[in-house]
Each structure stands twice: as structure tokens, then as C-alpha cells.
C-alpha atoms as a PDB file:
ATOM      1  CA  PRO A   1      96.922  80.262 104.194  1.00  0.00           C
ATOM      2  CA  PHE A   2      98.367  83.177 106.053  1.00  0.00           C
ATOM      3  CA  PHE A   3     100.833  86.211 105.789  1.00  0.00           C
ATOM      4  CA  LEU A   4     102.425  87.622 108.970  1.00  0.00           C
ATOM      5  CA  TYR A   5     104.656  90.868 108.534  1.00  0.00           C
ATOM      6  CA  TYR A   6     106.630  91.069 111.821  1.00  0.00           C
ATOM      7  CA  ALA A   7     108.087  94.607 111.636  1.00  0.00           C
ATOM      8  CA  THR A   8     110.513  94.506 114.792  1.00  0.00           C
ATOM      9  CA  GLN A   9     112.021  97.973 115.702  1.00  0.00           C
ATOM     10  CA  LEU A  10     115.026  96.132 117.221  1.00  0.00           C
ATOM     11  CA  PRO A  11     118.015  96.659 117.146  1.00  0.00           C
ATOM     12  CA  HIS A  12     117.496 100.465 117.493  1.00  0.00           C
ATOM     13  CA  GLY A  13     118.098 103.528 119.428  1.00  0.00           C
ATOM     14  CA  PRO A  14     117.384 104.540 121.934  1.00  0.00           C
ATOM     15  CA  VAL A  15     119.246 101.357 123.539  1.00  0.00           C
ATOM     16  CA  VAL A  16     116.273  99.874 125.704  1.00  0.00           C
ATOM     17  CA  THR A  17     115.428  96.401 126.731  1.00  0.00           C
ATOM     18  CA  PRO A  18     112.989  94.776 129.093  1.00  0.00           C
ATOM     19  CA  ASN A  19     115.886  93.331 130.938  1.00  0.00           C
ATOM     20  CA  LEU A  20     119.278  92.531 130.850  1.00  0.00           C
ATOM     21  CA  GLY A  21     118.778  88.602 131.142  1.00  0.00           C
ATOM     22  CA  ARG A  22     121.916  86.604 130.761  1.00  0.00           C
ATOM     23  CA  TYR A  23     124.368  89.677 130.276  1.00  0.00           C
ATOM     24  CA  HIS A  24     123.431  91.209 133.618  1.00  0.00           C
ATOM     25  CA  ARG A  25     126.417  89.909 135.454  1.00  0.00           C
ATOM     26  CA  ARG A  26     128.509  88.261 132.202  1.00  0.00           C
ATOM     27  CA  ALA A  27     131.914  89.441 132.646  1.00  0.00           C
ATOM     28  CA  GLY A  28     133.767  91.167 129.633  1.00  0.00           C
ATOM     29  CA  PHE A  29     131.361  93.736 128.755  1.00  0.00           C
ATOM     30  CA  PRO A  30     133.011  97.288 128.639  1.00  0.00           C
ATOM     31  CA  ASP A  31     129.961  99.310 129.998  1.00  0.00           C
ATOM     32  CA  LEU A  32     126.096  99.182 130.529  1.00  0.00           C
ATOM     33  CA  ARG A  33     125.109 100.255 127.003  1.00  0.00           C
ATOM     34  CA  HIS A  34     126.953  97.191 125.204  1.00  0.00           C
ATOM     35  CA  ARG A  35     125.043  94.766 127.514  1.00  0.00           C
ATOM     36  CA  GLU A  36     121.793  96.663 126.861  1.00  0.00           C
ATOM     37  CA  TRP A  37     122.578  96.205 123.184  1.00  0.00           C
ATOM     38  CA  ALA A  38     123.502  92.551 123.391  1.00  0.00           C
ATOM     39  CA  ALA A  39     119.954  92.101 125.371  1.00  0.00           C
ATOM     40  CA  MET A  40     118.149  93.834 122.788  1.00  0.00           C
ATOM     41  CA  VAL A  41     119.469  91.752 120.066  1.00  0.00           C
ATOM     42  CA  THR A  42     118.803  88.657 122.028  1.00  0.00           C
ATOM     43  CA  HIS A  43     115.470  89.805 122.761  1.00  0.00           C
ATOM     44  CA  MET A  44     114.633  90.034 119.262  1.00  0.00           C
ATOM     45  CA  ASP A  45     116.028  86.650 118.392  1.00  0.00           C
ATOM     46  CA  ASP A  46     114.017  85.012 121.217  1.00  0.00           C
ATOM     47  CA  SER A  47     110.966  86.726 119.759  1.00  0.00           C
ATOM     48  CA  VAL A  48     111.580  85.283 116.289  1.00  0.00           C
ATOM     49  CA  GLY A  49     112.250  82.021 117.744  1.00  0.00           C
ATOM     50  CA  ARG A  50     109.154  82.046 119.469  1.00  0.00           C
ATOM     51  CA  ILE A  51     107.478  82.431 116.134  1.00  0.00           C
ATOM     52  CA  ALA A  52     109.325  79.562 114.690  1.00  0.00           C
ATOM     53  CA  ASP A  53     108.718  77.259 117.791  1.00  0.00           C
ATOM     54  CA  LEU A  54     104.798  78.094 117.262  1.00  0.00           C
ATOM     55  CA  LEU A  55     104.957  77.143 113.591  1.00  0.00           C
ATOM     56  CA  GLU A  56     106.564  73.996 114.629  1.00  0.00           C
ATOM     57  CA  GLU A  57     104.169  73.469 117.590  1.00  0.00           C
ATOM     58  CA  LEU A  58     101.092  73.981 115.254  1.00  0.00           C
ATOM     59  CA  ASN A  59     102.991  71.282 112.786  1.00  0.00           C
ATOM     60  CA  ILE A  60     102.873  74.151 109.769  1.00  0.00           C
ATOM     61  CA  ASP A  61     106.412  74.807 109.879  1.00  0.00           C
ATOM     62  CA  SER A  62     107.375  72.677 106.625  1.00  0.00           C
ATOM     63  CA  ASP A  63     104.294  74.695 105.053  1.00  0.00           C
ATOM     64  CA  THR A  64     105.625  78.166 106.152  1.00  0.00           C
ATOM     65  CA  VAL A  65     108.341  80.100 104.390  1.00  0.00           C
ATOM     66  CA  ILE A  66     110.188  82.685 106.959  1.00  0.00           C
ATOM     67  CA  PHE A  67     112.294  85.386 105.288  1.00  0.00           C
ATOM     68  CA  PHE A  68     114.417  87.625 107.864  1.00  0.00           C
ATOM     69  CA  ALA A  69     115.985  90.748 106.738  1.00  0.00           C
ATOM     70  CA  SER A  70     117.481  94.060 108.199  1.00  0.00           C
ATOM     71  CA  ASP A  71     116.275  97.303 106.809  1.00  0.00           C
ATOM     72  CA  ASN A  72     119.612  99.112 106.347  1.00  0.00           C
ATOM     73  CA  GLY A  73     123.175  98.804 106.856  1.00  0.00           C
ATOM     74  CA  TYR A  74     125.375  99.343 109.831  1.00  0.00           C
ATOM     75  CA  SER A  75     124.059 102.046 112.222  1.00  0.00           C
ATOM     76  CA  GLN A  76     125.379 101.966 115.762  1.00  0.00           C
ATOM     77  CA  TRP A  77     127.109 105.287 116.150  1.00  0.00           C
ATOM     78  CA  GLY A  78     124.499 107.436 117.770  1.00  0.00           C
ATOM     79  CA  TYR A  79     124.224 104.957 120.871  1.00  0.00           C
ATOM     80  CA  PHE A  80     127.830 104.647 121.751  1.00  0.00           C
ATOM     81  CA  ALA A  81     129.119 108.380 121.382  1.00  0.00           C
ATOM     82  CA  ARG A  82     131.664 107.892 118.835  1.00  0.00           C
ATOM     83  CA  ARG A  83     132.447 108.911 115.175  1.00  0.00           C
ATOM     84  CA  ARG A  84     129.815 107.676 112.665  1.00  0.00           C
ATOM     85  CA  TRP A  85     130.072 104.231 110.938  1.00  0.00           C
ATOM     86  CA  LEU A  86     133.118 103.358 113.224  1.00  0.00           C
ATOM     87  CA  ASP A  87     133.325  99.806 114.059  1.00  0.00           C
ATOM     88  CA  ASP A  88     132.392  98.468 117.619  1.00  0.00           C
ATOM     89  CA  PRO A  89     135.760  97.756 119.156  1.00  0.00           C
ATOM     90  CA  PHE A  90     133.846  95.367 121.305  1.00  0.00           C
ATOM     91  CA  PHE A  91     131.508  93.883 119.067  1.00  0.00           C
ATOM     92  CA  HIS A  92     133.383  94.052 115.926  1.00  0.00           C
ATOM     93  CA  ASN A  93     129.878  93.748 114.108  1.00  0.00           C
ATOM     94  CA  LYS A  94     130.136  96.343 110.943  1.00  0.00           C
ATOM     95  CA  GLY A  95     132.127  94.248 108.432  1.00  0.00           C
ATOM     96  CA  PRO A  96     134.500  95.350 106.074  1.00  0.00           C
ATOM     97  CA  TRP A  97     131.984  97.597 104.069  1.00  0.00           C
ATOM     98  CA  ARG A  98     132.320 101.312 103.548  1.00  0.00           C
ATOM     99  CA  GLY A  99     130.161 103.576 105.451  1.00  0.00           C
ATOM    100  CA  GLY A 100     126.732 102.906 106.935  1.00  0.00           C
ATOM    101  CA  LYS A 101     123.066 103.969 107.186  1.00  0.00           C
ATOM    102  CA  PHE A 102     121.818 106.813 105.647  1.00  0.00           C
ATOM    103  CA  ILE A 103     124.260 106.870 102.358  1.00  0.00           C
ATOM    104  CA  SER A 104     124.147 104.592  99.558  1.00  0.00           C
ATOM    105  CA  THR A 105     127.750 103.110  99.942  1.00  0.00           C
ATOM    106  CA  GLU A 106     127.900  99.302 100.508  1.00  0.00           C
ATOM    107  CA  GLY A 107     128.000  99.541 104.132  1.00  0.00           C
ATOM    108  CA  GLY A 108     124.583 101.324 104.077  1.00  0.00           C
ATOM    109  CA  LEU A 109     123.146  98.738 101.801  1.00  0.00           C
ATOM    110  CA  ARG A 110     124.063  95.445 102.596  1.00  0.00           C
ATOM    111  CA  VAL A 111     121.975  93.806 105.082  1.00  0.00           C
ATOM    112  CA  PRO A 112     121.649  90.438 106.495  1.00  0.00           C
ATOM    113  CA  PHE A 113     119.214  88.171 104.459  1.00  0.00           C
ATOM    114  CA  PHE A 114     118.295  84.508 105.053  1.00  0.00           C
ATOM    115  CA  VAL A 115     115.098  82.372 104.162  1.00  0.00           C
ATOM    116  CA  ARG A 116     114.078  79.192 106.251  1.00  0.00           C
ATOM    117  CA  TRP A 117     111.569  76.691 104.894  1.00  0.00           C
ATOM    118  CA  PRO A 118     111.963  73.273 106.140  1.00  0.00           C
ATOM    119  CA  GLY A 119     112.494  70.548 103.959  1.00  0.00           C
ATOM    120  CA  LYS A 120     112.396  72.828 100.818  1.00  0.00           C
ATOM    121  CA  ILE A 121     115.404  74.799 101.118  1.00  0.00           C
ATOM    122  CA  ALA A 122     118.600  73.313 101.891  1.00  0.00           C
ATOM    123  CA  PRO A 123     120.891  74.573 104.734  1.00  0.00           C
ATOM    124  CA  GLY A 124     123.785  76.959 102.860  1.00  0.00           C
ATOM    125  CA  ASP A 125     124.415  79.871 101.671  1.00  0.00           C
ATOM    126  CA  CYS A 126     124.939  81.690  97.943  1.00  0.00           C
ATOM    127  CA  ASP A 127     126.146  84.627  96.369  1.00  0.00           C
ATOM    128  CA  HIS A 128     123.230  85.491  94.048  1.00  0.00           C
ATOM    129  CA  LEU A 129     122.906  89.412  93.985  1.00  0.00           C
ATOM    130  CA  CYS A 130     119.117  90.307  95.211  1.00  0.00           C
ATOM    131  CA  ALA A 131     117.357  93.228  96.891  1.00  0.00           C
ATOM    132  CA  PHE A 132     114.362  93.919  98.745  1.00  0.00           C
ATOM    133  CA  TRP A 133     112.327  94.471  95.663  1.00  0.00           C
ATOM    134  CA  ASP A 134     112.632  90.898  94.696  1.00  0.00           C
ATOM    135  CA  PHE A 135     110.295  89.721  97.915  1.00  0.00           C
ATOM    136  CA  LEU A 136     107.085  90.560  95.966  1.00  0.00           C
ATOM    137  CA  PRO A 137     107.402  88.202  93.172  1.00  0.00           C
ATOM    138  CA  THR A 138     109.183  85.735  95.389  1.00  0.00           C
ATOM    139  CA  ALA A 139     106.182  85.664  97.627  1.00  0.00           C
ATOM    140  CA  ALA A 140     103.683  85.869  94.777  1.00  0.00           C
ATOM    141  CA  GLU A 141     105.365  82.691  93.072  1.00  0.00           C
ATOM    142  CA  LEU A 142     105.303  80.791  96.156  1.00  0.00           C
ATOM    143  CA  ALA A 143     101.767  81.682  96.745  1.00  0.00           C
ATOM    144  CA  GLY A 144     100.722  80.645  93.100  1.00  0.00           C
ATOM    145  CA  VAL A 145      99.646  84.097  92.062  1.00  0.00           C
ATOM    146  CA  GLN A 146     100.833  86.376  89.323  1.00  0.00           C
ATOM    147  CA  PRO A 147     102.506  89.516  90.482  1.00  0.00           C
ATOM    148  CA  GLN A 148     101.896  92.902  89.192  1.00  0.00           C
ATOM    149  CA  GLU A 149     104.039  93.506  86.070  1.00  0.00           C
ATOM    150  CA  ASP A 150     105.144  96.859  86.745  1.00  0.00           C
ATOM    151  CA  THR A 151     108.005  95.776  89.285  1.00  0.00           C
ATOM    152  CA  ASP A 152     111.758  95.654  89.293  1.00  0.00           C
ATOM    153  CA  GLY A 153     111.729  92.632  91.184  1.00  0.00           C
ATOM    154  CA  ILE A 154     112.722  89.141  90.100  1.00  0.00           C
ATOM    155  CA  SER A 155     111.326  85.834  91.820  1.00  0.00           C
ATOM    156  CA  LEU A 156     114.002  84.235  94.213  1.00  0.00           C
ATOM    157  CA  VAL A 157     112.240  80.612  94.008  1.00  0.00           C
ATOM    158  CA  PRO A 158     114.741  79.053  91.627  1.00  0.00           C
ATOM    159  CA  VAL A 159     117.777  79.686  93.692  1.00  0.00           C
ATOM    160  CA  LEU A 160     116.098  79.107  96.961  1.00  0.00           C
ATOM    161  CA  THR A 161     114.857  75.680  95.862  1.00  0.00           C
ATOM    162  CA  GLY A 162     118.164  74.316  94.429  1.00  0.00           C
ATOM    163  CA  ARG A 163     117.569  75.246  90.859  1.00  0.00           C
ATOM    164  CA  PRO A 164     120.337  78.035  90.330  1.00  0.00           C
ATOM    165  CA  GLU A 165     120.402  77.187  86.640  1.00  0.00           C
ATOM    166  CA  ASP A 166     116.738  78.674  86.442  1.00  0.00           C
ATOM    167  CA  GLN A 167     117.575  81.703  88.569  1.00  0.00           C
ATOM    168  CA  ARG A 168     117.258  84.822  86.240  1.00  0.00           C
ATOM    169  CA  GLN A 169     119.690  87.682  87.162  1.00  0.00           C
ATOM    170  CA  HIS A 170     119.559  91.565  87.716  1.00  0.00           C
ATOM    171  CA  ASP A 171     121.261  93.518  85.175  1.00  0.00           C
ATOM    172  CA  TYR A 172     122.186  96.092  87.818  1.00  0.00           C
ATOM    173  CA  LEU A 173     120.950  97.189  91.054  1.00  0.00           C
ATOM    174  CA  TYR A 174     120.141 101.239  91.188  1.00  0.00           C
ATOM    175  CA  TRP A 175     119.731 103.322  94.612  1.00  0.00           C
ATOM    176  CA  GLU A 176     119.708 107.090  95.180  1.00  0.00           C
ATOM    177  CA  ASN A 177     119.540 109.222  97.956  1.00  0.00           C
ATOM    178  CA  THR A 178     119.110 112.898  97.546  1.00  0.00           C
ATOM    179  CA  HIS A 179     121.836 113.984  95.159  1.00  0.00           C
ATOM    180  CA  VAL A 180     123.705 110.453  95.873  1.00  0.00           C
ATOM    181  CA  GLN A 181     123.251 107.900  92.976  1.00  0.00           C
ATOM    182  CA  ALA A 182     124.999 104.186  93.412  1.00  0.00           C
ATOM    183  CA  ALA A 183     124.571 101.083  91.317  1.00  0.00           C
ATOM    184  CA  ARG A 184     125.720  97.272  91.549  1.00  0.00           C
ATOM    185  CA  LYS A 185     126.654  95.384  88.377  1.00  0.00           C
ATOM    186  CA  GLY A 186     128.156  92.035  88.792  1.00  0.00           C
ATOM    187  CA  ARG A 187     131.169  92.456  90.897  1.00  0.00           C
ATOM    188  CA  HIS A 188     131.404  96.194  90.564  1.00  0.00           C
ATOM    189  CA  ARG A 189     129.982  99.026  92.149  1.00  0.00           C
ATOM    190  CA  ALA A 190     129.658 102.598  91.402  1.00  0.00           C
ATOM    191  CA  HIS A 191     128.939 105.746  93.579  1.00  0.00           C
ATOM    192  CA  ARG A 192     129.049 109.506  93.347  1.00  0.00           C
ATOM    193  CA  VAL A 193     127.853 112.025  95.731  1.00  0.00           C
ATOM    194  CA  HIS A 194     126.411 114.334  93.223  1.00  0.00           C
ATOM    195  CA  PRO A 195     126.024 114.539  89.338  1.00  0.00           C
ATOM    196  CA  SER A 196     128.818 116.998  89.009  1.00  0.00           C
ATOM    197  CA  LYS A 197     131.269 115.012  90.943  1.00  0.00           C
ATOM    198  CA  PRO A 198     133.334 112.283  89.500  1.00  0.00           C
ATOM    199  CA  THR A 199     131.862 108.566  89.547  1.00  0.00           C
ATOM    200  CA  GLU A 200     133.760 106.283  91.792  1.00  0.00           C
ATOM    201  CA  LEU A 201     134.119 102.430  90.866  1.00  0.00           C
ATOM    202  CA  TYR A 202     134.987  99.573  93.166  1.00  0.00           C
ATOM    203  CA  ASP A 203     135.551  95.797  92.700  1.00  0.00           C
ATOM    204  CA  ILE A 204     133.810  94.724  95.729  1.00  0.00           C
ATOM    205  CA  VAL A 205     134.522  90.977  95.300  1.00  0.00           C
ATOM    206  CA  ALA A 206     138.169  91.620  95.274  1.00  0.00           C
ATOM    207  CA  ASP A 207     138.162  94.869  97.442  1.00  0.00           C
ATOM    208  CA  GLU A 208     135.336  94.583  99.969  1.00  0.00           C
ATOM    209  CA  GLY A 209     136.029  97.861 101.574  1.00  0.00           C
ATOM    210  CA  SER A 210     136.119 100.046  98.359  1.00  0.00           C
ATOM    211  CA  THR A 211     139.422 101.347  99.331  1.00  0.00           C
ATOM    212  CA  LYS A 212     140.683 101.465  95.576  1.00  0.00           C
ATOM    213  CA  ASP A 213     138.892 103.364  93.059  1.00  0.00           C
ATOM    214  CA  LEU A 214     139.188 101.807  89.661  1.00  0.00           C
ATOM    215  CA  ALA A 215     137.310 104.690  87.753  1.00  0.00           C
ATOM    216  CA  ALA A 216     140.865 105.726  85.822  1.00  0.00           C
ATOM    217  CA  GLU A 217     141.720 102.369  84.920  1.00  0.00           C
ATOM    218  CA  ARG A 218     138.005 101.237  83.702  1.00  0.00           C
ATOM    219  CA  PRO A 219     136.286 104.338  81.951  1.00  0.00           C
ATOM    220  CA  ASP A 220     134.056 101.773  79.935  1.00  0.00           C
ATOM    221  CA  LEU A 221     132.615 100.566  83.273  1.00  0.00           C
ATOM    222  CA  VAL A 222     132.192 103.988  84.321  1.00  0.00           C
ATOM    223  CA  GLN A 223     130.519 104.998  81.179  1.00  0.00           C
ATOM    224  CA  GLN A 224     128.075 101.939  81.498  1.00  0.00           C
ATOM    225  CA  PHE A 225     127.375 103.071  85.425  1.00  0.00           C
ATOM    226  CA  GLU A 226     126.729 106.626  84.382  1.00  0.00           C
ATOM    227  CA  GLU A 227     124.292 105.313  81.614  1.00  0.00           C
ATOM    228  CA  ILE A 228     122.528 103.589  84.573  1.00  0.00           C
ATOM    229  CA  PHE A 229     122.196 106.535  86.750  1.00  0.00           C
ATOM    230  CA  ARG A 230     120.372 108.199  83.925  1.00  0.00           C
ATOM    231  CA  LYS A 231     118.143 105.648  82.883  1.00  0.00           C
ATOM    232  CA  ALA A 232     117.196 103.849  85.972  1.00  0.00           C
ATOM    233  CA  ARG A 233     115.470 106.627  87.882  1.00  0.00           C
ATOM    234  CA  PHE A 234     112.300 108.916  87.512  1.00  0.00           C
ATOM    235  CA  ASP A 235     112.356 112.612  88.447  1.00  0.00           C
ATOM    236  CA  SER A 236     109.859 112.987  91.858  1.00  0.00           C
ATOM    237  CA  ARG A 237     107.610 115.907  92.271  1.00  0.00           C
ATOM    238  CA  TRP A 238     108.334 115.779  95.783  1.00  0.00           C
ATOM    239  CA  TYR A 239     111.429 114.237  96.931  1.00  0.00           C
ATOM    240  CA  VAL A 240     114.847 115.913  96.075  1.00  0.00           C
ATOM    241  CA  ASN A 241     116.153 114.732  92.765  1.00  0.00           C
ATOM    242  CA  PRO A 242     119.985 114.410  92.065  1.00  0.00           C
ATOM    243  CA  GLY A 243     121.412 117.487  90.887  1.00  0.00           C
ATOM    244  CA  GLU A 244     118.586 119.911  91.837  1.00  0.00           C
ATOM    245  CA  THR A 245     119.652 123.481  93.168  1.00  0.00           C
ATOM    246  CA  LYS A 246     118.947 124.995  96.474  1.00  0.00           C
ATOM    247  CA  GLN A 247     116.534 127.270  94.675  1.00  0.00           C
ATOM    248  CA  GLN A 248     114.561 124.086  93.172  1.00  0.00           C
ATOM    249  CA  VAL A 249     114.538 122.251  96.288  1.00  0.00           C
ATOM    250  CA  ALA A 250     113.217 125.692  97.875  1.00  0.00           C
ATOM    251  CA  ALA A 251     110.507 125.722  95.300  1.00  0.00           C
ATOM    252  CA  LYS A 252     109.646 122.215  95.622  1.00  0.00           C
ATOM    253  CA  ARG A 253     109.124 122.400  99.517  1.00  0.00           C
ATOM    254  CA  LYS A 254     106.727 125.441  99.039  1.00  0.00           C
ATOM    255  CA  GLU A 255     104.602 123.648  96.665  1.00  0.00           C
ATOM    256  CA  ALA A 256     104.335 120.622  98.993  1.00  0.00           C
ATOM    257  CA  ALA A 257     103.452 122.982 101.734  1.00  0.00           C
ATOM    258  CA  ASP A 258     100.841 124.760  99.747  1.00  0.00           C
ATOM    259  CA  ALA A 259      99.299 121.564  98.552  1.00  0.00           C
ATOM    260  CA  GLY A 260      99.286 120.324 102.328  1.00  0.00           C
ATOM    261  CA  GLN A 261     102.008 117.656 101.403  1.00  0.00           C
ATOM    262  CA  LEU A 262     104.865 118.787 103.737  1.00  0.00           C
ATOM    263  CA  ILE A 263     105.014 117.890 107.458  1.00  0.00           C
ATOM    264  CA  GLU A 264     107.610 119.491 109.535  1.00  0.00           C
ATOM    265  CA  LEU A 265     109.426 117.868 112.108  1.00  0.00           C
ATOM    266  CA  VAL A 266     109.799 120.229 115.461  1.00  0.00           C
ATOM    267  CA  PRO A 267     112.290 118.880 117.852  1.00  0.00           C
ATOM    268  CA  PRO A 268     110.710 118.489 121.325  1.00  0.00           C
ATOM    269  CA  ASN A 269     111.728 121.110 123.803  1.00  0.00           C
ATOM    270  CA  ARG A 270     114.599 119.764 125.863  1.00  0.00           C
ATOM    271  CA  GLY A 271     114.349 122.473 128.597  1.00  0.00           C
ATOM    272  CA  SER A 272     110.805 121.351 129.488  1.00  0.00           C
END
């Protein structure tokens, strides 16, 4: 038995690829950067393909489960010199979701995710609501071991192996990033940029782009989500907690520095 964690950094900035390959002379690309991006994605795809080919060559592909996912939502703005989270007019690869990387909107959190297990997982798709923290109990069940009890994850083995009636469901999913808090419950999604700001509410099944705020129409759901915002989190000694003042954050940084827990990232001297 073996476990391989292949943490490719592609696609990511800077836009660099070993070669342009099939895109070197292909017509229709608006500029070199788009060719480089396409080649970088293809390089990643080929690399994953080599792993899959090797599993078949060793005749262990039917005993090996491949999980593939991205680490965050849309992010291409910094490499193409345009406004953040704007869809690319050539690739059209953003999707309808609002926002992107660095924030807890749907566009920043929704990621590609697929699982391959020949002979055990039937080709297709499903709308089961899941998150990265489901991987640990899933992998543990597949390996025949007990996962740690203190986890928010739920094993996805039932839905993956064609037993959706046995699949446990999340009551909700929760995210935060400094002051921003967000949660998903069923078809609804709530988001607020600060505890002092209003909570926005969206039906992301009927409104994938989160264009119509339903908070005024569904105060009952807003109340449920704000309760989630209160109970689903724990204060961090080092990280910024939602609602903390600048003075509290400064004191926390000083404590971290005094304890040797703070690393300042100094940008390189661009004149050198």
C-alpha cells in the first residue's frame, strides 16, 4: 500500500512553462501569455496523465484511487494585467461565480474536484456538498482505519461508490478569512465582510452569480447563518479574528514577534 501527495504548483504565476509545445504556432491565441498559460495547464495535465499511465502499466490502477482538486477558486488577474477576478475573454474559464481567490465568496471557494477508481466509481457527476476536510475520513475509510474523532469531515465513500442513500450530509460548511465570514447550508449561502456589516444571503442554485441578495426576504435564514457564524469558529491566539480592532491586531502582532512566532516578508529590492 502507498500514498502519494502530488502538490503541483501549476497553473500558477509566474506564467512559465518548459515549452509552448502544441501551442507554439497554433492560431487564434491573442498573445504569448495566453499560449504560456495553455501550455502550463497542459503540462500539468500531462504530468497527471503520466501518473495514471504508470498505475495502468503496473496493473494497480483498479486498486488505486486518484483524487484531483484545486486549492482555491479563480485567480488569473495578476498574470494578464486586468482587474481582479474579471473573466478572461479568451479562455472564459471563470464560471458564473462571484469573486475569486483571497475572499470567501463562491468564486473564491468553489474548486474542481474529481475522483477516479476504475471498476469502483462509475463515471458521472453528483451535487453532493463537500469540502476538503472530507478527504481525511474518506481516505481513512478506504484504507480500513479509523480517522481521528475530532474532525469536521464526513467520509464520501458512500456517494462515490454508488450508495447515495447511505451518505451523511453536512448541516453546513463554514469559512472565514480575517474579518470575512461565509457559510453554505443547502442551496443557500451567506457572506459578510465584517461582523459589524450586514449579512448577505443568496440562493446559489437559482442564482449562481450571487446577484440577488435575499436577506430582506428571508430574515429567518439570516438569523440561522449568523448563529453559524457565532458557533462554528474558535478564536485564534495568532491569527486575526473577525471583528478585532486595529489595536487588538497590533497587540497580537507584538505578542507574536516577542514569542518568535512572526516572520516579516520583505519584498526584494527591485532596483538591484
